[in-house]
Amino acid sequence: MKIKLAFLSALAAALLAGCASEEIDSQTTLQTQAKISKETAERTALAKVPGGTIKEAEIEKEHGKLIWSFDVATPDSKDITEVNVDAMSGEVVSVEKESAAKEAKEAAEEKERKGEDKD
């Protein structure tokens, strides 16, 4: 029984590591397609949120566009400002304030979606 449990634990760990590796590979692949560097896009995003700091950043395809997506926090608010920058042109695609509750809900949905991708 202990051997079976150890085997299943090792298998689960390997599957989780593989999914994390796929996420990193996907990010790397998308970054090589971008004409605008992450650093340049960060400066553009921060210009839209004075006094903000980047909490999270990723590159993704959204509505057929390759974008840099930044979650920007400001010291005077619990809300997050999501700034999307076109990874090909460097133009700001959208700026959207998200409440802390909405941000938490999106994080939970993303975690659940990633769990479903494993099946």
N, C-alpha and C. Protein backbone atom coordinates (compact mmCIF):
# COMPACT_ATOMS: atom_id res chain seq x y z
N MET A 1 0.83 -1.19 0.00
CA MET A 1 0.00 0.00 0.00
C MET A 1 0.88 1.26 0.00
N LYS A 2 1.94 1.25 0.80
CA LYS A 2 2.83 2.42 0.87
C LYS A 2 3.50 2.65 -0.47
N ILE A 3 3.86 1.58 -1.16
CA ILE A 3 4.51 1.71 -2.47
C ILE A 3 3.54 2.32 -3.46
N LYS A 4 2.29 1.86 -3.43
CA LYS A 4 1.27 2.38 -4.34
C LYS A 4 1.04 3.87 -4.08
N LEU A 5 0.97 4.27 -2.83
CA LEU A 5 0.77 5.67 -2.47
C LEU A 5 1.96 6.52 -2.91
N ALA A 6 3.16 6.00 -2.70
CA ALA A 6 4.37 6.72 -3.11
C ALA A 6 4.40 6.87 -4.63
N PHE A 7 4.02 5.82 -5.34
CA PHE A 7 3.99 5.87 -6.80
C PHE A 7 2.98 6.91 -7.29
N LEU A 8 1.78 6.90 -6.72
CA LEU A 8 0.74 7.85 -7.13
C LEU A 8 1.16 9.29 -6.80
N SER A 9 1.82 9.48 -5.67
CA SER A 9 2.30 10.82 -5.31
C SER A 9 3.35 11.30 -6.30
N ALA A 10 4.26 10.41 -6.67
CA ALA A 10 5.31 10.76 -7.64
C ALA A 10 4.70 11.05 -9.00
N LEU A 11 3.71 10.28 -9.40
CA LEU A 11 3.03 10.49 -10.67
C LEU A 11 2.32 11.85 -10.69
N ALA A 12 1.63 12.18 -9.61
CA ALA A 12 0.93 13.47 -9.52
C ALA A 12 1.93 14.62 -9.59
N ALA A 13 3.05 14.50 -8.91
CA ALA A 13 4.07 15.54 -8.93
C ALA A 13 4.64 15.72 -10.34
N ALA A 14 4.85 14.61 -11.03
CA ALA A 14 5.38 14.68 -12.40
C ALA A 14 4.38 15.36 -13.33
N LEU A 15 3.11 15.05 -13.18
CA LEU A 15 2.07 15.68 -14.01
C LEU A 15 2.00 17.18 -13.75
N LEU A 16 2.07 17.58 -12.49
CA LEU A 16 2.05 19.00 -12.16
C LEU A 16 3.27 19.71 -12.73
N ALA A 17 4.42 19.09 -12.63
CA ALA A 17 5.64 19.69 -13.17
C ALA A 17 5.55 19.82 -14.68
N GLY A 18 4.97 18.84 -15.33
CA GLY A 18 4.81 18.89 -16.78
C GLY A 18 3.91 20.02 -17.21
N CYS A 19 2.82 20.24 -16.48
CA CYS A 19 1.90 21.34 -16.81
C CYS A 19 2.58 22.68 -16.61
N ALA A 20 3.35 22.84 -15.56
CA ALA A 20 4.08 24.09 -15.32
C ALA A 20 5.09 24.30 -16.43
N SER A 21 5.73 23.23 -16.87
CA SER A 21 6.71 23.33 -17.95
C SER A 21 6.04 23.77 -19.25
N GLU A 22 4.84 23.24 -19.53
CA GLU A 22 4.10 23.63 -20.74
C GLU A 22 3.75 25.11 -20.70
N GLU A 23 3.37 25.62 -19.53
CA GLU A 23 3.03 27.03 -19.37
C GLU A 23 4.26 27.89 -19.66
N ILE A 24 5.41 27.51 -19.15
CA ILE A 24 6.65 28.25 -19.39
C ILE A 24 7.02 28.20 -20.86
N ASP A 25 6.90 27.01 -21.47
CA ASP A 25 7.20 26.87 -22.89
C ASP A 25 6.29 27.76 -23.73
N SER A 26 5.01 27.82 -23.37
CA SER A 26 4.05 28.65 -24.09
C SER A 26 4.43 30.12 -23.98
N GLN A 27 4.78 30.57 -22.79
CA GLN A 27 5.19 31.96 -22.58
C GLN A 27 6.45 32.27 -23.40
N THR A 28 7.40 31.36 -23.40
CA THR A 28 8.65 31.56 -24.15
C THR A 28 8.37 31.65 -25.65
N THR A 29 7.51 30.77 -26.14
CA THR A 29 7.16 30.78 -27.56
C THR A 29 6.50 32.10 -27.95
N LEU A 30 5.56 32.56 -27.14
CA LEU A 30 4.88 33.82 -27.43
C LEU A 30 5.85 35.01 -27.35
N GLN A 31 6.78 34.98 -26.40
CA GLN A 31 7.75 36.06 -26.27
C GLN A 31 8.62 36.18 -27.51
N THR A 32 8.95 35.06 -28.13
CA THR A 32 9.79 35.11 -29.34
C THR A 32 9.03 35.71 -30.51
N GLN A 33 7.69 35.68 -30.47
CA GLN A 33 6.88 36.26 -31.53
C GLN A 33 6.68 37.76 -31.37
N ALA A 34 6.87 38.27 -30.15
CA ALA A 34 6.60 39.67 -29.86
C ALA A 34 7.67 40.58 -30.47
N LYS A 35 7.23 41.71 -31.01
CA LYS A 35 8.15 42.72 -31.52
C LYS A 35 8.50 43.72 -30.42
N ILE A 36 7.63 43.84 -29.42
CA ILE A 36 7.83 44.77 -28.31
C ILE A 36 8.31 43.96 -27.10
N SER A 37 9.42 44.37 -26.51
CA SER A 37 9.96 43.65 -25.35
C SER A 37 9.07 43.84 -24.13
N LYS A 38 9.20 42.94 -23.20
CA LYS A 38 8.44 43.02 -21.96
C LYS A 38 8.77 44.33 -21.23
N GLU A 39 10.04 44.68 -21.21
CA GLU A 39 10.47 45.90 -20.51
C GLU A 39 9.85 47.15 -21.11
N THR A 40 9.80 47.22 -22.44
CA THR A 40 9.19 48.37 -23.11
C THR A 40 7.69 48.42 -22.82
N ALA A 41 7.04 47.26 -22.89
CA ALA A 41 5.61 47.19 -22.61
C ALA A 41 5.32 47.56 -21.15
N GLU A 42 6.21 47.16 -20.23
CA GLU A 42 6.04 47.52 -18.81
C GLU A 42 6.06 49.04 -18.64
N ARG A 43 7.00 49.70 -19.28
CA ARG A 43 7.09 51.17 -19.18
C ARG A 43 5.80 51.82 -19.71
N THR A 44 5.29 51.28 -20.81
CA THR A 44 4.05 51.80 -21.39
C THR A 44 2.89 51.61 -20.42
N ALA A 45 2.80 50.43 -19.81
CA ALA A 45 1.72 50.13 -18.86
C ALA A 45 1.80 51.03 -17.63
N LEU A 46 3.00 51.18 -17.10
CA LEU A 46 3.17 52.00 -15.90
C LEU A 46 2.87 53.47 -16.16
N ALA A 47 3.05 53.93 -17.39
CA ALA A 47 2.72 55.32 -17.74
C ALA A 47 1.21 55.55 -17.64
N LYS A 48 0.42 54.49 -17.76
CA LYS A 48 -1.04 54.60 -17.67
C LYS A 48 -1.53 54.57 -16.22
N VAL A 49 -0.67 54.14 -15.29
CA VAL A 49 -1.06 54.03 -13.88
C VAL A 49 0.02 54.71 -13.03
N PRO A 50 -0.05 56.02 -12.91
CA PRO A 50 0.97 56.76 -12.15
C PRO A 50 1.10 56.23 -10.71
N GLY A 51 2.33 56.00 -10.29
CA GLY A 51 2.59 55.50 -8.94
C GLY A 51 2.38 54.02 -8.78
N GLY A 52 2.03 53.33 -9.88
CA GLY A 52 1.73 51.90 -9.81
C GLY A 52 2.97 51.03 -9.85
N THR A 53 2.80 49.81 -9.39
CA THR A 53 3.85 48.79 -9.49
C THR A 53 3.24 47.54 -10.10
N ILE A 54 4.01 46.87 -10.92
CA ILE A 54 3.50 45.67 -11.59
C ILE A 54 3.49 44.51 -10.61
N LYS A 55 2.32 43.92 -10.46
CA LYS A 55 2.12 42.79 -9.57
C LYS A 55 2.29 41.47 -10.32
N GLU A 56 1.81 41.45 -11.57
CA GLU A 56 1.88 40.24 -12.37
C GLU A 56 1.95 40.63 -13.84
N ALA A 57 2.68 39.84 -14.63
CA ALA A 57 2.79 40.11 -16.06
C ALA A 57 2.81 38.79 -16.82
N GLU A 58 2.19 38.82 -18.01
CA GLU A 58 2.24 37.65 -18.87
C GLU A 58 2.00 38.09 -20.31
N ILE A 59 2.42 37.25 -21.21
CA ILE A 59 2.13 37.48 -22.62
C ILE A 59 1.11 36.43 -23.03
N GLU A 60 0.13 36.86 -23.82
CA GLU A 60 -0.93 35.92 -24.19
C GLU A 60 -1.59 36.36 -25.49
N LYS A 61 -2.29 35.42 -26.08
CA LYS A 61 -3.12 35.75 -27.24
C LYS A 61 -4.53 35.98 -26.73
N GLU A 62 -5.07 37.14 -27.08
CA GLU A 62 -6.42 37.48 -26.65
C GLU A 62 -7.14 38.12 -27.82
N HIS A 63 -8.25 37.54 -28.20
CA HIS A 63 -9.04 38.03 -29.34
C HIS A 63 -8.18 38.13 -30.60
N GLY A 64 -7.29 37.16 -30.79
CA GLY A 64 -6.46 37.11 -31.99
C GLY A 64 -5.25 38.02 -31.96
N LYS A 65 -5.05 38.77 -30.86
CA LYS A 65 -3.91 39.67 -30.75
C LYS A 65 -2.92 39.15 -29.72
N LEU A 66 -1.65 39.34 -30.01
CA LEU A 66 -0.61 39.01 -29.05
C LEU A 66 -0.43 40.22 -28.15
N ILE A 67 -0.68 40.04 -26.85
CA ILE A 67 -0.60 41.18 -25.93
C ILE A 67 0.25 40.85 -24.70
N TRP A 68 0.83 41.90 -24.15
CA TRP A 68 1.43 41.85 -22.83
C TRP A 68 0.33 42.29 -21.88
N SER A 69 0.05 41.51 -20.85
CA SER A 69 -0.99 41.83 -19.88
C SER A 69 -0.32 42.08 -18.53
N PHE A 70 -0.60 43.24 -17.94
CA PHE A 70 0.01 43.62 -16.67
C PHE A 70 -1.07 43.92 -15.63
N ASP A 71 -0.91 43.36 -14.45
CA ASP A 71 -1.74 43.71 -13.31
C ASP A 71 -0.93 44.72 -12.50
N VAL A 72 -1.46 45.94 -12.39
CA VAL A 72 -0.73 47.02 -11.74
C VAL A 72 -1.45 47.41 -10.46
N ALA A 73 -0.70 47.41 -9.35
CA ALA A 73 -1.24 47.81 -8.05
C ALA A 73 -0.83 49.24 -7.76
N THR A 74 -1.71 49.95 -7.05
CA THR A 74 -1.39 51.30 -6.60
C THR A 74 -1.48 51.33 -5.08
N PRO A 75 -0.62 52.13 -4.45
CA PRO A 75 -0.56 52.12 -2.99
C PRO A 75 -1.84 52.59 -2.30
N ASP A 76 -2.65 53.40 -2.95
CA ASP A 76 -3.84 53.96 -2.32
C ASP A 76 -5.12 53.17 -2.57
N SER A 77 -4.98 51.96 -3.15
CA SER A 77 -6.17 51.19 -3.51
C SER A 77 -5.91 49.70 -3.44
N LYS A 78 -6.97 48.96 -3.10
CA LYS A 78 -6.88 47.50 -3.13
C LYS A 78 -7.18 46.98 -4.53
N ASP A 79 -7.73 47.85 -5.38
CA ASP A 79 -8.07 47.46 -6.75
C ASP A 79 -6.80 47.28 -7.58
N ILE A 80 -6.94 46.52 -8.64
CA ILE A 80 -5.85 46.27 -9.59
C ILE A 80 -6.25 46.91 -10.92
N THR A 81 -5.30 47.52 -11.58
CA THR A 81 -5.55 48.03 -12.92
C THR A 81 -4.87 47.09 -13.89
N GLU A 82 -5.66 46.49 -14.78
CA GLU A 82 -5.11 45.62 -15.80
C GLU A 82 -4.86 46.46 -17.04
N VAL A 83 -3.60 46.45 -17.48
CA VAL A 83 -3.22 47.19 -18.68
C VAL A 83 -2.73 46.19 -19.71
N ASN A 84 -3.33 46.21 -20.90
CA ASN A 84 -2.93 45.33 -21.99
C ASN A 84 -2.24 46.16 -23.06
N VAL A 85 -1.05 45.70 -23.45
CA VAL A 85 -0.24 46.39 -24.44
C VAL A 85 -0.02 45.45 -25.62
N ASP A 86 -0.32 45.93 -26.82
CA ASP A 86 -0.12 45.15 -28.04
C ASP A 86 1.37 44.80 -28.17
N ALA A 87 1.68 43.52 -28.24
CA ALA A 87 3.07 43.06 -28.29
C ALA A 87 3.71 43.25 -29.66
N MET A 88 2.92 43.68 -30.64
CA MET A 88 3.45 43.91 -31.97
C MET A 88 3.67 45.41 -32.23
N SER A 89 2.76 46.25 -31.74
CA SER A 89 2.84 47.68 -32.02
C SER A 89 3.27 48.52 -30.82
N GLY A 90 3.10 47.99 -29.60
CA GLY A 90 3.42 48.74 -28.40
C GLY A 90 2.31 49.67 -27.95
N GLU A 91 1.17 49.65 -28.63
CA GLU A 91 0.05 50.51 -28.28
C GLU A 91 -0.77 49.88 -27.15
N VAL A 92 -1.34 50.73 -26.31
CA VAL A 92 -2.21 50.25 -25.24
C VAL A 92 -3.53 49.79 -25.85
N VAL A 93 -3.89 48.55 -25.57
CA VAL A 93 -5.12 47.96 -26.09
C VAL A 93 -6.28 48.25 -25.15
N SER A 94 -6.04 48.13 -23.84
CA SER A 94 -7.10 48.38 -22.87
C SER A 94 -6.51 48.68 -21.50
N VAL A 95 -7.29 49.41 -20.71
CA VAL A 95 -6.98 49.70 -19.32
C VAL A 95 -8.27 49.47 -18.55
N GLU A 96 -8.23 48.57 -17.57
CA GLU A 96 -9.45 48.21 -16.85
C GLU A 96 -9.16 48.06 -15.37
N LYS A 97 -9.95 48.74 -14.55
CA LYS A 97 -9.84 48.58 -13.09
C LYS A 97 -10.59 47.33 -12.69
N GLU A 98 -9.97 46.55 -11.81
CA GLU A 98 -10.60 45.34 -11.30
C GLU A 98 -10.58 45.40 -9.78
N SER A 99 -11.71 45.10 -9.17
CA SER A 99 -11.77 45.06 -7.72
C SER A 99 -10.96 43.87 -7.22
N ALA A 100 -10.59 43.92 -5.95
CA ALA A 100 -9.86 42.80 -5.36
C ALA A 100 -10.68 41.52 -5.44
N ALA A 101 -12.00 41.63 -5.28
CA ALA A 101 -12.88 40.45 -5.37
C ALA A 101 -12.88 39.86 -6.78
N LYS A 102 -12.96 40.73 -7.79
CA LYS A 102 -12.96 40.25 -9.17
C LYS A 102 -11.61 39.60 -9.51
N GLU A 103 -10.53 40.21 -9.04
CA GLU A 103 -9.19 39.66 -9.27
C GLU A 103 -9.07 38.26 -8.65
N ALA A 104 -9.57 38.10 -7.43
CA ALA A 104 -9.53 36.79 -6.76
C ALA A 104 -10.37 35.77 -7.51
N LYS A 105 -11.53 36.20 -8.00
CA LYS A 105 -12.39 35.29 -8.77
C LYS A 105 -11.70 34.84 -10.05
N GLU A 106 -11.06 35.78 -10.75
CA GLU A 106 -10.34 35.42 -11.98
C GLU A 106 -9.20 34.46 -11.69
N ALA A 107 -8.48 34.68 -10.59
CA ALA A 107 -7.38 33.78 -10.22
C ALA A 107 -7.91 32.37 -9.94
N ALA A 108 -9.04 32.28 -9.26
CA ALA A 108 -9.63 30.97 -8.96
C ALA A 108 -10.09 30.28 -10.25
N GLU A 109 -10.69 31.04 -11.16
CA GLU A 109 -11.13 30.48 -12.44
C GLU A 109 -9.94 29.99 -13.25
N GLU A 110 -8.85 30.75 -13.25
CA GLU A 110 -7.64 30.36 -13.98
C GLU A 110 -7.06 29.08 -13.39
N LYS A 111 -7.03 29.01 -12.07
CA LYS A 111 -6.51 27.80 -11.41
C LYS A 111 -7.37 26.60 -11.77
N GLU A 112 -8.70 26.79 -11.77
CA GLU A 112 -9.61 25.70 -12.12
C GLU A 112 -9.43 25.30 -13.58
N ARG A 113 -9.28 26.29 -14.46
CA ARG A 113 -9.10 26.00 -15.89
C ARG A 113 -7.82 25.21 -16.11
N LYS A 114 -6.77 25.58 -15.44
CA LYS A 114 -5.51 24.84 -15.57
C LYS A 114 -5.65 23.43 -15.07
N GLY A 115 -6.45 23.23 -14.03
CA GLY A 115 -6.71 21.89 -13.51
C GLY A 115 -7.46 21.05 -14.52
N GLU A 116 -8.39 21.69 -15.25
CA GLU A 116 -9.16 20.96 -16.27
C GLU A 116 -8.31 20.63 -17.48
N ASP A 117 -7.30 21.46 -17.78
CA ASP A 117 -6.41 21.20 -18.92
C ASP A 117 -5.61 19.93 -18.74
N LYS A 118 -5.43 19.50 -17.50
CA LYS A 118 -4.63 18.30 -17.23
C LYS A 118 -5.34 17.03 -17.65
N ASP A 119 -6.66 17.07 -17.72
CA ASP A 119 -7.44 15.87 -18.07
C ASP A 119 -7.34 15.51 -19.52
